[in-house]
Every structure is written in C-alpha cells, then in structure tokens.
C-alpha cells in the first residue's frame, strides 16, 4: 500500500510470503509502488521500518537510507461508551 501526502510518497505496507521471498517479488512490488507514486506527483519516497527489523537491509539495497527524523506517538484511550 502506498500513498502521496502532497509532495512525498509513502510506502506503508509491502510484504511477500516467506516461502516466496528471494524471487524478486518484493523488488517488483517496490518498483511498482515507486512508479505509481512518481506518476502521482511524489518527488521523494519515504517509509518507516522499526529499529532492528532485518528488512531494513532490503530497502538499503534499493537505495533507501536512514533519514534524520523524530517520530512521536501516543496511545489513545478507548472511547467510553
């Protein structure tokens, strides 16, 4: 799943079944996402990977690099009702 927030493209989810990994499917999905994002006005593509997740090596192999960014988050309490 990918989307554009105005000028940046984001890859939100990209996954390949473990038994199908290593066949180039992830690379093909990433290229397709990048092409779609570019066609929809994105000039830069970003994605987030949790620290320590070995998939970061896959993205590094496709030219992605760590960006200086601070991500803030907060859990919301369930709505009363």
PDB file of N, CA and C in Angstrom:
ATOM      1  N   UNK A   1       0.857  -1.161   0.000  1.00  0.00           N
ATOM      2  CA  UNK A   1       0.000   0.000   0.000  1.00  0.00           C
ATOM      3  C   UNK A   1       0.905   1.226   0.000  1.00  0.00           C
ATOM      4  N   UNK A   2       0.577   2.190  -0.836  1.00  0.00           N
ATOM      5  CA  UNK A   2       1.357   3.410  -0.957  1.00  0.00           C
ATOM      6  C   UNK A   2       0.418   4.599  -1.104  1.00  0.00           C
ATOM      7  N   UNK A   3       0.912   5.778  -0.778  1.00  0.00           N
ATOM      8  CA  UNK A   3       0.096   6.980  -0.908  1.00  0.00           C
ATOM      9  C   UNK A   3       0.974   8.219  -0.988  1.00  0.00           C
ATOM     10  N   UNK A   4       0.358   9.324  -1.398  1.00  0.00           N
ATOM     11  CA  UNK A   4       1.055  10.594  -1.537  1.00  0.00           C
ATOM     12  C   UNK A   4       0.425  11.590  -0.574  1.00  0.00           C
ATOM     13  N   UNK A   5       1.262  12.324   0.178  1.00  0.00           N
ATOM     14  CA  UNK A   5       0.733  13.293   1.133  1.00  0.00           C
ATOM     15  C   UNK A   5       0.826  14.725   0.626  1.00  0.00           C
ATOM     16  N   UNK A   6       1.046  14.896  -0.642  1.00  0.00           N
ATOM     17  CA  UNK A   6       1.166  16.226  -1.234  1.00  0.00           C
ATOM     18  C   UNK A   6       2.383  16.296  -2.126  1.00  0.00           C
ATOM     19  N   UNK A   7       3.562  16.091  -1.536  1.00  0.00           N
ATOM     20  CA  UNK A   7       4.778  16.079  -2.339  1.00  0.00           C
ATOM     21  C   UNK A   7       5.662  14.875  -2.047  1.00  0.00           C
ATOM     22  N   UNK A   8       5.403  14.188  -0.946  1.00  0.00           N
ATOM     23  CA  UNK A   8       6.142  12.977  -0.603  1.00  0.00           C
ATOM     24  C   UNK A   8       5.271  11.764  -0.851  1.00  0.00           C
ATOM     25  N   UNK A   9       5.917  10.712  -1.297  1.00  0.00           N
ATOM     26  CA  UNK A   9       5.238   9.429  -1.399  1.00  0.00           C
ATOM     27  C   UNK A   9       5.624   8.571  -0.214  1.00  0.00           C
ATOM     28  N   UNK A  10       4.695   7.752   0.214  1.00  0.00           N
ATOM     29  CA  UNK A  10       4.946   6.847   1.332  1.00  0.00           C
ATOM     30  C   UNK A  10       4.633   5.417   0.924  1.00  0.00           C
ATOM     31  N   UNK A  11       5.523   4.512   1.264  1.00  0.00           N
ATOM     32  CA  UNK A  11       5.240   3.088   1.155  1.00  0.00           C
ATOM     33  C   UNK A  11       4.825   2.661   2.550  1.00  0.00           C
ATOM     34  N   UNK A  12       3.558   2.298   2.699  1.00  0.00           N
ATOM     35  CA  UNK A  12       3.023   1.942   4.014  1.00  0.00           C
ATOM     36  C   UNK A  12       3.204   0.458   4.319  1.00  0.00           C
ATOM     37  N   UNK A  13       2.878  -0.378   3.384  1.00  0.00           N
ATOM     38  CA  UNK A  13       2.993  -1.820   3.590  1.00  0.00           C
ATOM     39  C   UNK A  13       3.476  -2.466   2.312  1.00  0.00           C
ATOM     40  N   UNK A  14       4.439  -3.360   2.451  1.00  0.00           N
ATOM     41  CA  UNK A  14       4.923  -4.152   1.341  1.00  0.00           C
ATOM     42  C   UNK A  14       5.330  -5.482   1.940  1.00  0.00           C
ATOM     43  N   UNK A  15       4.767  -6.548   1.470  1.00  0.00           N
ATOM     44  CA  UNK A  15       5.098  -7.838   2.050  1.00  0.00           C
ATOM     45  C   UNK A  15       5.046  -8.959   1.040  1.00  0.00           C
ATOM     46  N   UNK A  16       5.884  -9.959   1.272  1.00  0.00           N
ATOM     47  CA  UNK A  16       5.942 -11.156   0.442  1.00  0.00           C
ATOM     48  C   UNK A  16       5.919 -12.358   1.388  1.00  0.00           C
ATOM     49  N   UNK A  17       5.108 -13.332   1.062  1.00  0.00           N
ATOM     50  CA  UNK A  17       5.042 -14.554   1.875  1.00  0.00           C
ATOM     51  C   UNK A  17       6.444 -15.119   2.065  1.00  0.00           C
ATOM     52  N   UNK A  18       6.775 -15.591   3.255  1.00  0.00           N
ATOM     53  CA  UNK A  18       8.127 -16.110   3.500  1.00  0.00           C
ATOM     54  C   UNK A  18       8.587 -17.158   2.476  1.00  0.00           C
ATOM     55  N   UNK A  19       7.721 -18.036   2.073  1.00  0.00           N
ATOM     56  CA  UNK A  19       8.093 -19.071   1.108  1.00  0.00           C
ATOM     57  C   UNK A  19       8.338 -18.550  -0.295  1.00  0.00           C
ATOM     58  N   UNK A  20       7.921 -17.324  -0.559  1.00  0.00           N
ATOM     59  CA  UNK A  20       8.090 -16.710  -1.881  1.00  0.00           C
ATOM     60  C   UNK A  20       9.216 -15.689  -1.910  1.00  0.00           C
ATOM     61  N   UNK A  21       9.827 -15.420  -0.757  1.00  0.00           N
ATOM     62  CA  UNK A  21      10.891 -14.420  -0.688  1.00  0.00           C
ATOM     63  C   UNK A  21      12.126 -14.908  -1.436  1.00  0.00           C
ATOM     64  N   UNK A  22      12.895 -13.955  -1.945  1.00  0.00           N
ATOM     65  CA  UNK A  22      14.114 -14.283  -2.668  1.00  0.00           C
ATOM     66  C   UNK A  22      13.914 -14.493  -4.158  1.00  0.00           C
ATOM     67  N   UNK A  23      12.706 -14.262  -4.644  1.00  0.00           N
ATOM     68  CA  UNK A  23      12.401 -14.457  -6.067  1.00  0.00           C
ATOM     69  C   UNK A  23      12.246 -13.137  -6.813  1.00  0.00           C
ATOM     70  N   UNK A  24      12.499 -12.014  -6.135  1.00  0.00           N
ATOM     71  CA  UNK A  24      12.386 -10.715  -6.786  1.00  0.00           C
ATOM     72  C   UNK A  24      11.010 -10.083  -6.697  1.00  0.00           C
ATOM     73  N   UNK A  25      10.088 -10.722  -5.977  1.00  0.00           N
ATOM     74  CA  UNK A  25       8.728 -10.185  -5.883  1.00  0.00           C
ATOM     75  C   UNK A  25       8.693  -8.886  -5.084  1.00  0.00           C
ATOM     76  N   UNK A  26       9.422  -8.823  -3.988  1.00  0.00           N
ATOM     77  CA  UNK A  26       9.470  -7.593  -3.194  1.00  0.00           C
ATOM     78  C   UNK A  26      10.052  -6.437  -3.991  1.00  0.00           C
ATOM     79  N   UNK A  27      11.102  -6.713  -4.743  1.00  0.00           N
ATOM     80  CA  UNK A  27      11.708  -5.671  -5.585  1.00  0.00           C
ATOM     81  C   UNK A  27      10.719  -5.192  -6.641  1.00  0.00           C
ATOM     82  N   UNK A  28       9.987  -6.120  -7.232  1.00  0.00           N
ATOM     83  CA  UNK A  28       8.987  -5.741  -8.245  1.00  0.00           C
ATOM     84  C   UNK A  28       7.876  -4.908  -7.620  1.00  0.00           C
ATOM     85  N   UNK A  29       7.428  -5.279  -6.419  1.00  0.00           N
ATOM     86  CA  UNK A  29       6.392  -4.502  -5.734  1.00  0.00           C
ATOM     87  C   UNK A  29       6.891  -3.101  -5.398  1.00  0.00           C
ATOM     88  N   UNK A  30       8.130  -3.002  -4.930  1.00  0.00           N
ATOM     89  CA  UNK A  30       8.692  -1.704  -4.582  1.00  0.00           C
ATOM     90  C   UNK A  30       8.821  -0.823  -5.823  1.00  0.00           C
ATOM     91  N   UNK A  31       9.312  -1.383  -6.933  1.00  0.00           N
ATOM     92  CA  UNK A  31       9.410  -0.609  -8.182  1.00  0.00           C
ATOM     93  C   UNK A  31       8.032  -0.143  -8.643  1.00  0.00           C
ATOM     94  N   UNK A  32       7.026  -1.006  -8.526  1.00  0.00           N
ATOM     95  CA  UNK A  32       5.667  -0.625  -8.931  1.00  0.00           C
ATOM     96  C   UNK A  32       5.136   0.497  -8.037  1.00  0.00           C
ATOM     97  N   UNK A  33       5.390   0.407  -6.737  1.00  0.00           N
ATOM     98  CA  UNK A  33       4.947   1.464  -5.816  1.00  0.00           C
ATOM     99  C   UNK A  33       5.641   2.775  -6.151  1.00  0.00           C
ATOM    100  N   UNK A  34       6.949   2.724  -6.407  1.00  0.00           N
ATOM    101  CA  UNK A  34       7.690   3.941  -6.748  1.00  0.00           C
ATOM    102  C   UNK A  34       7.178   4.555  -8.049  1.00  0.00           C
ATOM    103  N   UNK A  35       6.883   3.713  -9.028  1.00  0.00           N
ATOM    104  CA  UNK A  35       6.358   4.219 -10.304  1.00  0.00           C
ATOM    105  C   UNK A  35       5.002   4.879 -10.099  1.00  0.00           C
ATOM    106  N   UNK A  36       4.138   4.248  -9.317  1.00  0.00           N
ATOM    107  CA  UNK A  36       2.808   4.805  -9.056  1.00  0.00           C
ATOM    108  C   UNK A  36       2.937   6.139  -8.320  1.00  0.00           C
ATOM    109  N   UNK A  37       3.809   6.177  -7.308  1.00  0.00           N
ATOM    110  CA  UNK A  37       3.997   7.406  -6.546  1.00  0.00           C
ATOM    111  C   UNK A  37       4.526   8.533  -7.432  1.00  0.00           C
ATOM    112  N   UNK A  38       5.499   8.224  -8.270  1.00  0.00           N
ATOM    113  CA  UNK A  38       6.036   9.227  -9.182  1.00  0.00           C
ATOM    114  C   UNK A  38       4.993   9.750 -10.144  1.00  0.00           C
ATOM    115  N   UNK A  39       4.140   8.856 -10.630  1.00  0.00           N
ATOM    116  CA  UNK A  39       3.072   9.253 -11.548  1.00  0.00           C
ATOM    117  C   UNK A  39       2.018  10.117 -10.865  1.00  0.00           C
ATOM    118  N   UNK A  40       1.972  10.059  -9.529  1.00  0.00           N
ATOM    119  CA  UNK A  40       1.004  10.845  -8.770  1.00  0.00           C
ATOM    120  C   UNK A  40       1.650  12.046  -8.071  1.00  0.00           C
ATOM    121  N   UNK A  41       2.811  12.471  -8.564  1.00  0.00           N
ATOM    122  CA  UNK A  41       3.408  13.716  -8.118  1.00  0.00           C
ATOM    123  C   UNK A  41       4.435  13.645  -7.011  1.00  0.00           C
ATOM    124  N   UNK A  42       4.725  12.461  -6.496  1.00  0.00           N
ATOM    125  CA  UNK A  42       5.715  12.363  -5.422  1.00  0.00           C
ATOM    126  C   UNK A  42       7.112  12.595  -5.987  1.00  0.00           C
ATOM    127  N   UNK A  43       7.889  13.406  -5.302  1.00  0.00           N
ATOM    128  CA  UNK A  43       9.268  13.644  -5.710  1.00  0.00           C
ATOM    129  C   UNK A  43      10.243  12.887  -4.811  1.00  0.00           C
ATOM    130  N   UNK A  44       9.759  12.416  -3.683  1.00  0.00           N
ATOM    131  CA  UNK A  44      10.569  11.662  -2.731  1.00  0.00           C
ATOM    132  C   UNK A  44       9.698  10.545  -2.175  1.00  0.00           C
ATOM    133  N   UNK A  45      10.314   9.401  -1.911  1.00  0.00           N
ATOM    134  CA  UNK A  45       9.582   8.277  -1.321  1.00  0.00           C
ATOM    135  C   UNK A  45      10.167   8.003   0.053  1.00  0.00           C
ATOM    136  N   UNK A  46       9.301   7.834   1.015  1.00  0.00           N
ATOM    137  CA  UNK A  46       9.710   7.539   2.382  1.00  0.00           C
ATOM    138  C   UNK A  46       8.970   6.311   2.883  1.00  0.00           C
ATOM    139  N   UNK A  47       9.541   5.672   3.884  1.00  0.00           N
ATOM    140  CA  UNK A  47       8.896   4.546   4.557  1.00  0.00           C
ATOM    141  C   UNK A  47       9.489   4.442   5.945  1.00  0.00           C
ATOM    142  N   UNK A  48       8.827   3.744   6.807  1.00  0.00           N
ATOM    143  CA  UNK A  48       9.316   3.546   8.172  1.00  0.00           C
ATOM    144  C   UNK A  48       9.481   2.058   8.439  1.00  0.00           C
ATOM    145  N   UNK A  49      10.603   1.730   9.086  1.00  0.00           N
ATOM    146  CA  UNK A  49      10.902   0.363   9.497  1.00  0.00           C
ATOM    147  C   UNK A  49      11.323   0.437  10.956  1.00  0.00           C
ATOM    148  N   UNK A  50      10.787  -0.427  11.772  1.00  0.00           N
ATOM    149  CA  UNK A  50      11.172  -0.419  13.184  1.00  0.00           C
ATOM    150  C   UNK A  50      12.651  -0.740  13.339  1.00  0.00           C
ATOM    151  N   UNK A  51      13.292  -0.077  14.276  1.00  0.00           N
ATOM    152  CA  UNK A  51      14.704  -0.311  14.575  1.00  0.00           C
ATOM    153  C   UNK A  51      14.932  -1.792  14.849  1.00  0.00           C
ATOM    154  N   UNK A  52      15.951  -2.344  14.223  1.00  0.00           N
ATOM    155  CA  UNK A  52      16.284  -3.753  14.436  1.00  0.00           C
ATOM    156  C   UNK A  52      15.612  -4.713  13.475  1.00  0.00           C
ATOM    157  N   UNK A  53      14.651  -4.242  12.685  1.00  0.00           N
ATOM    158  CA  UNK A  53      13.981  -5.114  11.728  1.00  0.00           C
ATOM    159  C   UNK A  53      14.949  -5.405  10.583  1.00  0.00           C
ATOM    160  N   UNK A  54      15.255  -6.680  10.334  1.00  0.00           N
ATOM    161  CA  UNK A  54      16.238  -7.008   9.290  1.00  0.00           C
ATOM    162  C   UNK A  54      15.804  -6.616   7.879  1.00  0.00           C
ATOM    163  N   UNK A  55      14.542  -6.284   7.665  1.00  0.00           N
ATOM    164  CA  UNK A  55      14.091  -5.884   6.332  1.00  0.00           C
ATOM    165  C   UNK A  55      14.724  -4.557   5.910  1.00  0.00           C
ATOM    166  N   UNK A  56      15.291  -3.827   6.869  1.00  0.00           N
ATOM    167  CA  UNK A  56      15.945  -2.567   6.506  1.00  0.00           C
ATOM    168  C   UNK A  56      17.067  -2.806   5.501  1.00  0.00           C
ATOM    169  N   UNK A  57      17.694  -3.965   5.534  1.00  0.00           N
ATOM    170  CA  UNK A  57      18.732  -4.307   4.563  1.00  0.00           C
ATOM    171  C   UNK A  57      18.183  -4.408   3.146  1.00  0.00           C
ATOM    172  N   UNK A  58      16.962  -4.904   3.019  1.00  0.00           N
ATOM    173  CA  UNK A  58      16.303  -4.972   1.709  1.00  0.00           C
ATOM    174  C   UNK A  58      16.158  -3.575   1.138  1.00  0.00           C
ATOM    175  N   UNK A  59      15.653  -2.654   1.947  1.00  0.00           N
ATOM    176  CA  UNK A  59      15.449  -1.285   1.476  1.00  0.00           C
ATOM    177  C   UNK A  59      16.778  -0.576   1.196  1.00  0.00           C
ATOM    178  N   UNK A  60      17.776  -0.810   2.039  1.00  0.00           N
ATOM    179  CA  UNK A  60      19.096  -0.218   1.799  1.00  0.00           C
ATOM    180  C   UNK A  60      19.648  -0.676   0.452  1.00  0.00           C
ATOM    181  N   UNK A  61      19.400  -1.921   0.101  1.00  0.00           N
ATOM    182  CA  UNK A  61      19.837  -2.450  -1.180  1.00  0.00           C
ATOM    183  C   UNK A  61      19.151  -1.805  -2.366  1.00  0.00           C
ATOM    184  N   UNK A  62      18.058  -1.103  -2.112  1.00  0.00           N
ATOM    185  CA  UNK A  62      17.323  -0.392  -3.161  1.00  0.00           C
ATOM    186  C   UNK A  62      17.556   1.117  -3.088  1.00  0.00           C
ATOM    187  N   UNK A  63      18.587   1.514  -2.353  1.00  0.00           N
ATOM    188  CA  UNK A  63      18.960   2.921  -2.316  1.00  0.00           C
ATOM    189  C   UNK A  63      18.333   3.751  -1.213  1.00  0.00           C
ATOM    190  N   UNK A  64      17.581   3.125  -0.325  1.00  0.00           N
ATOM    191  CA  UNK A  64      16.975   3.859   0.784  1.00  0.00           C
ATOM    192  C   UNK A  64      17.999   4.006   1.898  1.00  0.00           C
ATOM    193  N   UNK A  65      18.010   5.154   2.550  1.00  0.00           N
ATOM    194  CA  UNK A  65      18.961   5.428   3.626  1.00  0.00           C
ATOM    195  C   UNK A  65      18.217   6.017   4.813  1.00  0.00           C
ATOM    196  N   UNK A  66      18.824   5.884   5.969  1.00  0.00           N
ATOM    197  CA  UNK A  66      18.248   6.445   7.192  1.00  0.00           C
ATOM    198  C   UNK A  66      18.145   7.958   7.046  1.00  0.00           C
ATOM    199  N   UNK A  67      16.992   8.508   7.394  1.00  0.00           N
ATOM    200  CA  UNK A  67      16.736   9.946   7.359  1.00  0.00           C
ATOM    201  C   UNK A  67      16.654  10.446   8.791  1.00  0.00           C
ATOM    202  N   UNK A  68      17.189  11.625   9.036  1.00  0.00           N
ATOM    203  CA  UNK A  68      17.064  12.212  10.365  1.00  0.00           C
ATOM    204  C   UNK A  68      15.611  12.623  10.584  1.00  0.00           C
ATOM    205  N   UNK A  69      14.986  11.983  11.549  1.00  0.00           N
ATOM    206  CA  UNK A  69      13.577  12.244  11.812  1.00  0.00           C
ATOM    207  C   UNK A  69      13.244  11.753  13.214  1.00  0.00           C
ATOM    208  N   UNK A  70      12.432  12.466  13.891  1.00  0.00           N
ATOM    209  CA  UNK A  70      11.949  12.057  15.196  1.00  0.00           C
ATOM    210  C   UNK A  70      10.478  11.707  15.054  1.00  0.00           C
ATOM    211  N   UNK A  71      10.135  10.488  15.380  1.00  0.00           N
ATOM    212  CA  UNK A  71       8.737  10.054  15.302  1.00  0.00           C
ATOM    213  C   UNK A  71       8.161  10.071  16.711  1.00  0.00           C
ATOM    214  N   UNK A  72       7.083  10.791  16.877  1.00  0.00           N
ATOM    215  CA  UNK A  72       6.403  10.869  18.164  1.00  0.00           C
ATOM    216  C   UNK A  72       5.095  10.102  18.073  1.00  0.00           C
ATOM    217  N   UNK A  73       4.706   9.477  19.137  1.00  0.00           N
ATOM    218  CA  UNK A  73       3.459   8.735  19.138  1.00  0.00           C
ATOM    219  C   UNK A  73       2.816   8.754  20.504  1.00  0.00           C
ATOM    220  N   UNK A  74       1.566   8.377  20.520  1.00  0.00           N
ATOM    221  CA  UNK A  74       0.812   8.344  21.772  1.00  0.00           C
ATOM    222  C   UNK A  74      -0.337   7.364  21.606  1.00  0.00           C
ATOM    223  N   UNK A  75      -0.532   6.498  22.572  1.00  0.00           N
ATOM    224  CA  UNK A  75      -1.675   5.589  22.553  1.00  0.00           C
ATOM    225  C   UNK A  75      -2.909   6.336  23.044  1.00  0.00           C
ATOM    226  N   UNK A  76      -4.028   6.139  22.391  1.00  0.00           N
ATOM    227  CA  UNK A  76      -5.280   6.761  22.793  1.00  0.00           C
ATOM    228  C   UNK A  76      -6.077   5.795  23.656  1.00  0.00           C
ATOM    229  N   UNK A  77      -6.757   6.344  24.618  1.00  0.00           N
ATOM    230  CA  UNK A  77      -7.630   5.534  25.466  1.00  0.00           C
ATOM    231  C   UNK A  77      -8.858   5.133  24.642  1.00  0.00           C
ATOM    232  N   UNK A  78      -9.374   3.936  24.863  1.00  0.00           N
ATOM    233  CA  UNK A  78     -10.591   3.549  24.147  1.00  0.00           C
ATOM    234  C   UNK A  78     -11.735   4.524  24.460  1.00  0.00           C
ATOM    235  N   UNK A  79     -12.554   4.761  23.490  1.00  0.00           N
ATOM    236  CA  UNK A  79     -13.707   5.661  23.686  1.00  0.00           C
ATOM    237  C   UNK A  79     -14.690   5.028  24.681  1.00  0.00           C
ATOM    238  N   UNK A  80     -15.186   5.844  25.570  1.00  0.00           N
ATOM    239  CA  UNK A  80     -16.200   5.377  26.527  1.00  0.00           C
ATOM    240  C   UNK A  80     -17.527   5.212  25.805  1.00  0.00           C
ATOM    241  N   UNK A  81     -18.226   4.220  26.191  1.00  0.00           N
ATOM    242  CA  UNK A  81     -19.482   4.188  25.503  1.00  0.00           C
ATOM    243  C   UNK A  81     -20.294   3.032  25.686  1.00  0.00           C
TER     244      UNK A  81
END
